[in-house]
Amino acid sequence: MTHIRPATPADASRIAEIIITNYRTNFYPFFRNDAYYFGELNVMDMAAEYADGTDALQNTHVYDDGVVKGIIRICGDEIEKLFIEPTFQSQGIGEKLLHFAVSEKNAAWLWVLEYNTRGIAFYERHGFSLTGEKIMEDEWVPLLKMARTAKGESHV
């Protein structure tokens, strides 16, 4: 796929910046946890997660057209993360990364924040459906499971 490549250690800080910007922009308004979003969550620690030889790095691909604009992390058939730099959202980058995950990596399911109606709608437009499964991550983050469905099939 054009512009999609495996992440490298040189991408670690950019990957961290994209993820943290999205967490603060999209999730902070729901949780209002200053200590976490502006203390614990920081680029240096997140970049370390994507250091040379880590599973996170090995499972991550970036959309890079000269600038890394988005990332997708896939583990097995699960999409663990899909984030686009907010400046570059609504330009088809997320769609390209999702298509790559499904067609090239056989990704079939993911967890999405229950409050993320924009994300849920995005995944539904691209063949994912809510399964009815829900978990609480870290005792306060409600996640809903979405899975690819065969045409006409429903998980609910």
N, C-alpha and C. Protein backbone atom coordinates (compact mmCIF):
# COMPACT_ATOMS: atom_id res chain seq x y z
N MET A 1 0.84 -1.18 0.00
CA MET A 1 0.00 0.00 0.00
C MET A 1 0.89 1.24 0.00
N THR A 2 0.55 2.17 -0.83
CA THR A 2 1.31 3.39 -0.95
C THR A 2 1.33 4.16 0.36
N HIS A 3 2.49 4.60 0.75
CA HIS A 3 2.72 5.43 1.92
C HIS A 3 2.61 4.67 3.26
N ILE A 4 2.27 3.40 3.25
CA ILE A 4 2.20 2.64 4.50
C ILE A 4 3.42 1.74 4.59
N ARG A 5 4.12 1.84 5.70
CA ARG A 5 5.34 1.06 5.89
C ARG A 5 5.46 0.66 7.36
N PRO A 6 6.28 -0.36 7.63
CA PRO A 6 6.53 -0.72 9.03
C PRO A 6 7.18 0.45 9.76
N ALA A 7 6.81 0.63 11.00
CA ALA A 7 7.42 1.67 11.82
C ALA A 7 8.86 1.29 12.14
N THR A 8 9.69 2.30 12.32
CA THR A 8 11.09 2.10 12.69
C THR A 8 11.35 2.83 14.01
N PRO A 9 12.47 2.54 14.67
CA PRO A 9 12.79 3.26 15.90
C PRO A 9 12.83 4.78 15.70
N ALA A 10 13.19 5.23 14.51
CA ALA A 10 13.24 6.68 14.23
C ALA A 10 11.85 7.31 14.28
N ASP A 11 10.80 6.50 14.16
CA ASP A 11 9.42 7.00 14.21
C ASP A 11 8.87 7.11 15.62
N ALA A 12 9.58 6.60 16.62
CA ALA A 12 9.04 6.47 17.98
C ALA A 12 8.48 7.77 18.53
N SER A 13 9.22 8.86 18.42
CA SER A 13 8.72 10.11 19.01
C SER A 13 7.52 10.64 18.24
N ARG A 14 7.50 10.47 16.93
CA ARG A 14 6.35 10.93 16.14
C ARG A 14 5.10 10.09 16.44
N ILE A 15 5.28 8.78 16.57
CA ILE A 15 4.17 7.89 16.94
C ILE A 15 3.61 8.34 18.31
N ALA A 16 4.50 8.56 19.26
CA ALA A 16 4.08 8.99 20.60
C ALA A 16 3.34 10.32 20.54
N GLU A 17 3.84 11.23 19.76
CA GLU A 17 3.20 12.55 19.64
C GLU A 17 1.78 12.41 19.07
N ILE A 18 1.60 11.59 18.05
CA ILE A 18 0.27 11.37 17.44
C ILE A 18 -0.68 10.74 18.45
N ILE A 19 -0.23 9.71 19.15
CA ILE A 19 -1.09 9.02 20.11
C ILE A 19 -1.49 9.96 21.25
N ILE A 20 -0.52 10.66 21.83
CA ILE A 20 -0.81 11.53 22.97
C ILE A 20 -1.69 12.70 22.57
N THR A 21 -1.45 13.29 21.40
CA THR A 21 -2.31 14.38 20.93
C THR A 21 -3.75 13.90 20.81
N ASN A 22 -3.94 12.69 20.26
CA ASN A 22 -5.29 12.14 20.13
C ASN A 22 -5.91 11.82 21.47
N TYR A 23 -5.15 11.25 22.39
CA TYR A 23 -5.68 10.95 23.72
C TYR A 23 -6.17 12.23 24.39
N ARG A 24 -5.35 13.26 24.33
CA ARG A 24 -5.72 14.52 24.99
C ARG A 24 -6.90 15.20 24.30
N THR A 25 -6.91 15.19 22.99
CA THR A 25 -7.98 15.85 22.24
C THR A 25 -9.30 15.09 22.34
N ASN A 26 -9.24 13.77 22.20
CA ASN A 26 -10.47 12.98 22.08
C ASN A 26 -10.96 12.35 23.38
N PHE A 27 -10.07 12.06 24.31
CA PHE A 27 -10.47 11.33 25.51
C PHE A 27 -10.50 12.18 26.77
N TYR A 28 -9.60 13.15 26.87
CA TYR A 28 -9.57 14.01 28.05
C TYR A 28 -10.93 14.66 28.34
N PRO A 29 -11.64 15.17 27.32
CA PRO A 29 -12.95 15.80 27.62
C PRO A 29 -13.93 14.88 28.34
N PHE A 30 -13.80 13.58 28.19
CA PHE A 30 -14.71 12.64 28.87
C PHE A 30 -14.26 12.33 30.29
N PHE A 31 -12.95 12.27 30.50
CA PHE A 31 -12.43 11.78 31.77
C PHE A 31 -11.90 12.87 32.69
N ARG A 32 -11.48 13.99 32.13
CA ARG A 32 -11.00 15.14 32.92
C ARG A 32 -10.02 14.75 34.02
N ASN A 33 -9.08 13.90 33.68
CA ASN A 33 -8.09 13.42 34.64
C ASN A 33 -6.77 14.12 34.34
N ASP A 34 -6.58 15.29 34.93
CA ASP A 34 -5.38 16.09 34.66
C ASP A 34 -4.09 15.33 34.98
N ALA A 35 -4.08 14.64 36.12
CA ALA A 35 -2.86 13.93 36.54
C ALA A 35 -2.44 12.90 35.49
N TYR A 36 -3.40 12.21 34.90
CA TYR A 36 -3.06 11.20 33.89
C TYR A 36 -2.71 11.85 32.55
N TYR A 37 -3.61 12.67 32.00
CA TYR A 37 -3.44 13.19 30.65
C TYR A 37 -2.32 14.21 30.51
N PHE A 38 -1.95 14.89 31.60
CA PHE A 38 -0.91 15.91 31.51
C PHE A 38 0.25 15.64 32.45
N GLY A 39 0.28 14.44 33.03
CA GLY A 39 1.37 14.04 33.92
C GLY A 39 1.93 12.70 33.47
N GLU A 40 1.18 11.64 33.78
CA GLU A 40 1.63 10.29 33.44
C GLU A 40 1.80 10.10 31.93
N LEU A 41 0.88 10.63 31.16
CA LEU A 41 0.90 10.46 29.70
C LEU A 41 1.85 11.50 29.10
N ASN A 42 3.01 11.04 28.64
CA ASN A 42 3.97 11.98 28.06
C ASN A 42 4.71 11.34 26.90
N VAL A 43 5.23 12.18 26.03
CA VAL A 43 5.86 11.71 24.80
C VAL A 43 7.07 10.84 25.08
N MET A 44 7.89 11.19 26.05
CA MET A 44 9.11 10.41 26.29
C MET A 44 8.80 8.97 26.70
N ASP A 45 7.86 8.80 27.64
CA ASP A 45 7.51 7.45 28.08
C ASP A 45 6.83 6.67 26.96
N MET A 46 5.94 7.33 26.21
CA MET A 46 5.25 6.66 25.11
C MET A 46 6.25 6.29 24.01
N ALA A 47 7.19 7.16 23.71
CA ALA A 47 8.20 6.87 22.69
C ALA A 47 9.03 5.65 23.09
N ALA A 48 9.32 5.50 24.38
CA ALA A 48 10.08 4.35 24.86
C ALA A 48 9.35 3.05 24.57
N GLU A 49 8.01 3.10 24.57
CA GLU A 49 7.21 1.92 24.26
C GLU A 49 7.47 1.46 22.81
N TYR A 50 7.89 2.39 21.96
CA TYR A 50 8.13 2.09 20.55
C TYR A 50 9.63 2.06 20.21
N ALA A 51 10.44 1.74 21.19
CA ALA A 51 11.89 1.67 20.98
C ALA A 51 12.26 0.42 20.18
N ASP A 52 13.48 0.40 19.71
CA ASP A 52 13.99 -0.70 18.90
C ASP A 52 13.77 -2.04 19.60
N GLY A 53 13.17 -2.98 18.89
CA GLY A 53 12.99 -4.33 19.39
C GLY A 53 11.74 -4.57 20.20
N THR A 54 10.94 -3.54 20.48
CA THR A 54 9.73 -3.75 21.27
C THR A 54 8.61 -4.34 20.42
N ASP A 55 7.71 -5.07 21.08
CA ASP A 55 6.55 -5.62 20.37
C ASP A 55 5.70 -4.52 19.77
N ALA A 56 5.54 -3.42 20.50
CA ALA A 56 4.72 -2.31 20.00
C ALA A 56 5.27 -1.82 18.66
N LEU A 57 6.58 -1.64 18.57
CA LEU A 57 7.19 -1.18 17.32
C LEU A 57 7.01 -2.21 16.21
N GLN A 58 7.23 -3.48 16.52
CA GLN A 58 7.14 -4.53 15.51
C GLN A 58 5.72 -4.70 14.98
N ASN A 59 4.72 -4.32 15.77
CA ASN A 59 3.33 -4.47 15.37
C ASN A 59 2.72 -3.19 14.79
N THR A 60 3.54 -2.17 14.59
CA THR A 60 3.04 -0.87 14.16
C THR A 60 3.47 -0.54 12.74
N HIS A 61 2.54 0.05 12.01
CA HIS A 61 2.80 0.59 10.68
C HIS A 61 2.42 2.06 10.70
N VAL A 62 3.09 2.84 9.86
CA VAL A 62 2.80 4.27 9.78
C VAL A 62 2.38 4.64 8.37
N TYR A 63 1.60 5.69 8.29
CA TYR A 63 1.27 6.32 7.02
C TYR A 63 2.26 7.47 6.88
N ASP A 64 3.14 7.37 5.88
CA ASP A 64 4.24 8.32 5.73
C ASP A 64 4.32 8.75 4.27
N ASP A 65 3.90 9.97 3.99
CA ASP A 65 4.02 10.52 2.64
C ASP A 65 5.08 11.62 2.62
N GLY A 66 6.06 11.46 3.48
CA GLY A 66 7.08 12.47 3.69
C GLY A 66 6.99 13.00 5.12
N VAL A 67 5.79 12.88 5.69
CA VAL A 67 5.51 13.20 7.09
C VAL A 67 4.69 12.04 7.64
N VAL A 68 5.05 11.54 8.80
CA VAL A 68 4.24 10.49 9.42
C VAL A 68 2.97 11.15 9.93
N LYS A 69 1.83 10.77 9.31
CA LYS A 69 0.55 11.40 9.60
C LYS A 69 -0.40 10.50 10.38
N GLY A 70 -0.12 9.19 10.42
CA GLY A 70 -1.00 8.28 11.13
C GLY A 70 -0.28 6.99 11.47
N ILE A 71 -0.86 6.25 12.42
CA ILE A 71 -0.28 4.98 12.84
C ILE A 71 -1.38 3.96 13.03
N ILE A 72 -1.01 2.70 12.84
CA ILE A 72 -1.89 1.60 13.19
C ILE A 72 -1.04 0.52 13.83
N ARG A 73 -1.53 -0.02 14.94
CA ARG A 73 -0.84 -1.11 15.63
C ARG A 73 -1.76 -2.32 15.62
N ILE A 74 -1.24 -3.42 15.10
CA ILE A 74 -2.02 -4.65 14.93
C ILE A 74 -1.29 -5.77 15.65
N CYS A 75 -2.02 -6.51 16.48
CA CYS A 75 -1.44 -7.67 17.16
C CYS A 75 -2.34 -8.86 16.87
N GLY A 76 -1.81 -9.81 16.12
CA GLY A 76 -2.64 -10.93 15.69
C GLY A 76 -3.71 -10.41 14.76
N ASP A 77 -4.98 -10.66 15.11
CA ASP A 77 -6.06 -10.14 14.28
C ASP A 77 -6.78 -8.96 14.95
N GLU A 78 -6.15 -8.39 16.00
CA GLU A 78 -6.73 -7.24 16.70
C GLU A 78 -6.05 -5.94 16.28
N ILE A 79 -6.85 -4.95 15.99
CA ILE A 79 -6.34 -3.59 15.80
C ILE A 79 -6.27 -2.98 17.19
N GLU A 80 -5.05 -2.73 17.66
CA GLU A 80 -4.86 -2.20 19.00
C GLU A 80 -4.94 -0.68 19.05
N LYS A 81 -4.45 -0.02 18.01
CA LYS A 81 -4.47 1.44 17.95
C LYS A 81 -4.58 1.87 16.50
N LEU A 82 -5.34 2.91 16.27
CA LEU A 82 -5.42 3.57 14.97
C LEU A 82 -5.63 5.04 15.25
N PHE A 83 -4.60 5.83 14.98
CA PHE A 83 -4.66 7.26 15.25
C PHE A 83 -4.08 8.04 14.08
N ILE A 84 -4.74 9.15 13.76
CA ILE A 84 -4.28 10.07 12.73
C ILE A 84 -4.02 11.41 13.42
N GLU A 85 -2.94 12.07 13.06
CA GLU A 85 -2.68 13.42 13.55
C GLU A 85 -3.93 14.25 13.29
N PRO A 86 -4.49 14.93 14.31
CA PRO A 86 -5.73 15.67 14.11
C PRO A 86 -5.71 16.64 12.92
N THR A 87 -4.58 17.26 12.64
CA THR A 87 -4.47 18.17 11.51
C THR A 87 -4.77 17.47 10.18
N PHE A 88 -4.49 16.17 10.11
CA PHE A 88 -4.64 15.42 8.86
C PHE A 88 -5.85 14.49 8.85
N GLN A 89 -6.74 14.60 9.84
CA GLN A 89 -7.93 13.76 9.86
C GLN A 89 -8.89 14.17 8.75
N SER A 90 -9.76 13.23 8.37
CA SER A 90 -10.77 13.44 7.31
C SER A 90 -10.14 13.62 5.94
N GLN A 91 -8.97 13.01 5.73
CA GLN A 91 -8.31 13.04 4.43
C GLN A 91 -8.13 11.63 3.85
N GLY A 92 -8.78 10.62 4.46
CA GLY A 92 -8.71 9.26 3.95
C GLY A 92 -7.55 8.44 4.48
N ILE A 93 -6.74 9.00 5.36
CA ILE A 93 -5.58 8.28 5.89
C ILE A 93 -6.01 7.13 6.79
N GLY A 94 -6.97 7.37 7.67
CA GLY A 94 -7.48 6.31 8.54
C GLY A 94 -8.08 5.17 7.74
N GLU A 95 -8.81 5.51 6.70
CA GLU A 95 -9.41 4.50 5.82
C GLU A 95 -8.33 3.64 5.18
N LYS A 96 -7.26 4.26 4.71
CA LYS A 96 -6.16 3.52 4.08
C LYS A 96 -5.47 2.60 5.08
N LEU A 97 -5.23 3.11 6.29
CA LEU A 97 -4.60 2.27 7.32
C LEU A 97 -5.51 1.11 7.73
N LEU A 98 -6.80 1.37 7.86
CA LEU A 98 -7.74 0.31 8.22
C LEU A 98 -7.82 -0.73 7.12
N HIS A 99 -7.89 -0.29 5.88
CA HIS A 99 -7.93 -1.22 4.75
C HIS A 99 -6.66 -2.09 4.73
N PHE A 100 -5.51 -1.48 4.98
CA PHE A 100 -4.26 -2.22 5.06
C PHE A 100 -4.33 -3.29 6.15
N ALA A 101 -4.82 -2.91 7.33
CA ALA A 101 -4.90 -3.86 8.44
C ALA A 101 -5.79 -5.05 8.10
N VAL A 102 -6.92 -4.78 7.47
CA VAL A 102 -7.87 -5.85 7.13
C VAL A 102 -7.36 -6.70 5.97
N SER A 103 -6.90 -6.05 4.91
CA SER A 103 -6.54 -6.80 3.71
C SER A 103 -5.14 -7.43 3.76
N GLU A 104 -4.21 -6.77 4.42
CA GLU A 104 -2.83 -7.27 4.45
C GLU A 104 -2.48 -8.04 5.73
N LYS A 105 -3.14 -7.70 6.82
CA LYS A 105 -2.80 -8.30 8.12
C LYS A 105 -3.93 -9.12 8.71
N ASN A 106 -5.04 -9.25 7.98
CA ASN A 106 -6.20 -10.04 8.41
C ASN A 106 -6.78 -9.57 9.75
N ALA A 107 -6.70 -8.28 10.02
CA ALA A 107 -7.30 -7.73 11.24
C ALA A 107 -8.80 -7.91 11.19
N ALA A 108 -9.39 -8.31 12.32
CA ALA A 108 -10.81 -8.64 12.33
C ALA A 108 -11.60 -7.97 13.45
N TRP A 109 -10.92 -7.40 14.45
CA TRP A 109 -11.67 -6.82 15.57
C TRP A 109 -10.84 -5.79 16.31
N LEU A 110 -11.53 -5.03 17.20
CA LEU A 110 -10.88 -3.98 17.98
C LEU A 110 -11.78 -3.58 19.14
N TRP A 111 -11.19 -2.85 20.07
CA TRP A 111 -11.95 -2.22 21.16
C TRP A 111 -11.99 -0.74 20.88
N VAL A 112 -13.15 -0.11 21.10
CA VAL A 112 -13.30 1.32 20.88
C VAL A 112 -13.92 1.94 22.14
N LEU A 113 -13.48 3.14 22.47
CA LEU A 113 -14.04 3.83 23.62
C LEU A 113 -15.53 4.03 23.40
N GLU A 114 -16.32 3.67 24.39
CA GLU A 114 -17.78 3.76 24.29
C GLU A 114 -18.25 5.16 23.90
N TYR A 115 -17.56 6.20 24.36
CA TYR A 115 -17.95 7.58 24.09
C TYR A 115 -17.48 8.08 22.73
N ASN A 116 -16.68 7.30 22.04
CA ASN A 116 -16.09 7.72 20.77
C ASN A 116 -17.06 7.47 19.61
N THR A 117 -18.11 8.26 19.55
CA THR A 117 -19.14 8.05 18.52
C THR A 117 -18.59 8.26 17.11
N ARG A 118 -17.65 9.18 16.97
CA ARG A 118 -17.04 9.40 15.65
C ARG A 118 -16.26 8.15 15.21
N GLY A 119 -15.50 7.57 16.13
CA GLY A 119 -14.74 6.36 15.82
C GLY A 119 -15.65 5.18 15.51
N ILE A 120 -16.70 5.01 16.31
CA ILE A 120 -17.65 3.92 16.07
C ILE A 120 -18.27 4.06 14.68
N ALA A 121 -18.69 5.27 14.33
CA ALA A 121 -19.29 5.49 13.01
C ALA A 121 -18.28 5.20 11.90
N PHE A 122 -17.02 5.59 12.10
CA PHE A 122 -15.97 5.32 11.12
C PHE A 122 -15.82 3.82 10.89
N TYR A 123 -15.71 3.06 11.97
CA TYR A 123 -15.54 1.62 11.83
C TYR A 123 -16.78 0.97 11.22
N GLU A 124 -17.96 1.44 11.57
CA GLU A 124 -19.18 0.89 10.97
C GLU A 124 -19.22 1.14 9.47
N ARG A 125 -18.77 2.30 9.03
CA ARG A 125 -18.72 2.60 7.58
C ARG A 125 -17.77 1.66 6.85
N HIS A 126 -16.85 1.08 7.58
CA HIS A 126 -15.83 0.24 6.96
C HIS A 126 -15.98 -1.24 7.33
N GLY A 127 -17.21 -1.67 7.61
CA GLY A 127 -17.51 -3.09 7.75
C GLY A 127 -17.38 -3.69 9.13
N PHE A 128 -17.26 -2.87 10.16
CA PHE A 128 -17.21 -3.37 11.53
C PHE A 128 -18.56 -3.13 12.20
N SER A 129 -18.92 -4.01 13.11
CA SER A 129 -20.17 -3.88 13.87
C SER A 129 -19.88 -4.08 15.35
N LEU A 130 -20.69 -3.45 16.17
CA LEU A 130 -20.61 -3.67 17.61
C LEU A 130 -21.04 -5.11 17.90
N THR A 131 -20.30 -5.78 18.77
CA THR A 131 -20.60 -7.19 19.07
C THR A 131 -21.50 -7.35 20.29
N GLY A 132 -21.64 -6.29 21.08
CA GLY A 132 -22.39 -6.39 22.33
C GLY A 132 -21.48 -6.62 23.52
N GLU A 133 -20.19 -6.90 23.27
CA GLU A 133 -19.24 -7.09 24.37
C GLU A 133 -18.73 -5.74 24.86
N LYS A 134 -18.56 -5.63 26.18
CA LYS A 134 -18.07 -4.41 26.79
C LYS A 134 -17.12 -4.79 27.92
N ILE A 135 -16.03 -4.05 28.05
CA ILE A 135 -15.10 -4.22 29.17
C ILE A 135 -14.81 -2.86 29.78
N MET A 136 -14.31 -2.89 31.00
CA MET A 136 -13.83 -1.67 31.65
C MET A 136 -12.33 -1.79 31.77
N GLU A 137 -11.61 -0.95 31.08
CA GLU A 137 -10.15 -0.94 31.14
C GLU A 137 -9.73 -0.02 32.28
N ASP A 138 -8.80 -0.44 33.07
CA ASP A 138 -8.29 0.34 34.20
C ASP A 138 -9.42 0.81 35.13
N GLU A 139 -10.49 0.06 35.20
CA GLU A 139 -11.62 0.28 36.11
C GLU A 139 -12.43 1.54 35.83
N TRP A 140 -12.11 2.30 34.77
CA TRP A 140 -12.88 3.52 34.50
C TRP A 140 -13.01 3.87 33.02
N VAL A 141 -12.50 3.03 32.13
CA VAL A 141 -12.55 3.32 30.70
C VAL A 141 -13.44 2.28 30.02
N PRO A 142 -14.68 2.64 29.64
CA PRO A 142 -15.59 1.67 29.01
C PRO A 142 -15.28 1.47 27.53
N LEU A 143 -14.96 0.23 27.18
CA LEU A 143 -14.63 -0.11 25.80
C LEU A 143 -15.66 -1.07 25.23
N LEU A 144 -15.98 -0.88 23.96
CA LEU A 144 -16.91 -1.75 23.24
C LEU A 144 -16.15 -2.50 22.17
N LYS A 145 -16.49 -3.76 22.00
CA LYS A 145 -15.83 -4.57 20.97
C LYS A 145 -16.56 -4.40 19.65
N MET A 146 -15.77 -4.24 18.59
CA MET A 146 -16.29 -4.19 17.23
C MET A 146 -15.55 -5.25 16.43
N ALA A 147 -16.27 -5.88 15.50
CA ALA A 147 -15.65 -6.93 14.69
C ALA A 147 -16.13 -6.81 13.25
N ARG A 148 -15.28 -7.29 12.35
CA ARG A 148 -15.67 -7.35 10.93
C ARG A 148 -16.80 -8.35 10.82
N THR A 149 -17.72 -8.06 9.95
CA THR A 149 -18.84 -8.97 9.74
C THR A 149 -18.96 -9.30 8.26
N ALA A 150 -19.41 -10.52 8.01
CA ALA A 150 -19.73 -10.89 6.64
C ALA A 150 -20.95 -10.10 6.23
N LYS A 151 -21.10 -9.86 4.97
CA LYS A 151 -22.24 -9.06 4.48
C LYS A 151 -23.55 -9.64 5.02
N GLY A 152 -24.32 -8.77 5.68
CA GLY A 152 -25.60 -9.18 6.20
C GLY A 152 -25.56 -9.83 7.57
N GLU A 153 -24.37 -10.18 8.06
CA GLU A 153 -24.25 -10.83 9.37
C GLU A 153 -24.20 -9.77 10.46
N SER A 154 -24.77 -10.06 11.60
CA SER A 154 -24.74 -9.13 12.72
C SER A 154 -24.27 -9.84 13.97
N HIS A 155 -23.51 -9.15 14.81
CA HIS A 155 -23.02 -9.71 16.07
C HIS A 155 -23.96 -9.43 17.24
N VAL A 156 -24.87 -8.49 17.04
CA VAL A 156 -25.73 -8.07 18.14
C VAL A 156 -26.93 -8.97 18.28
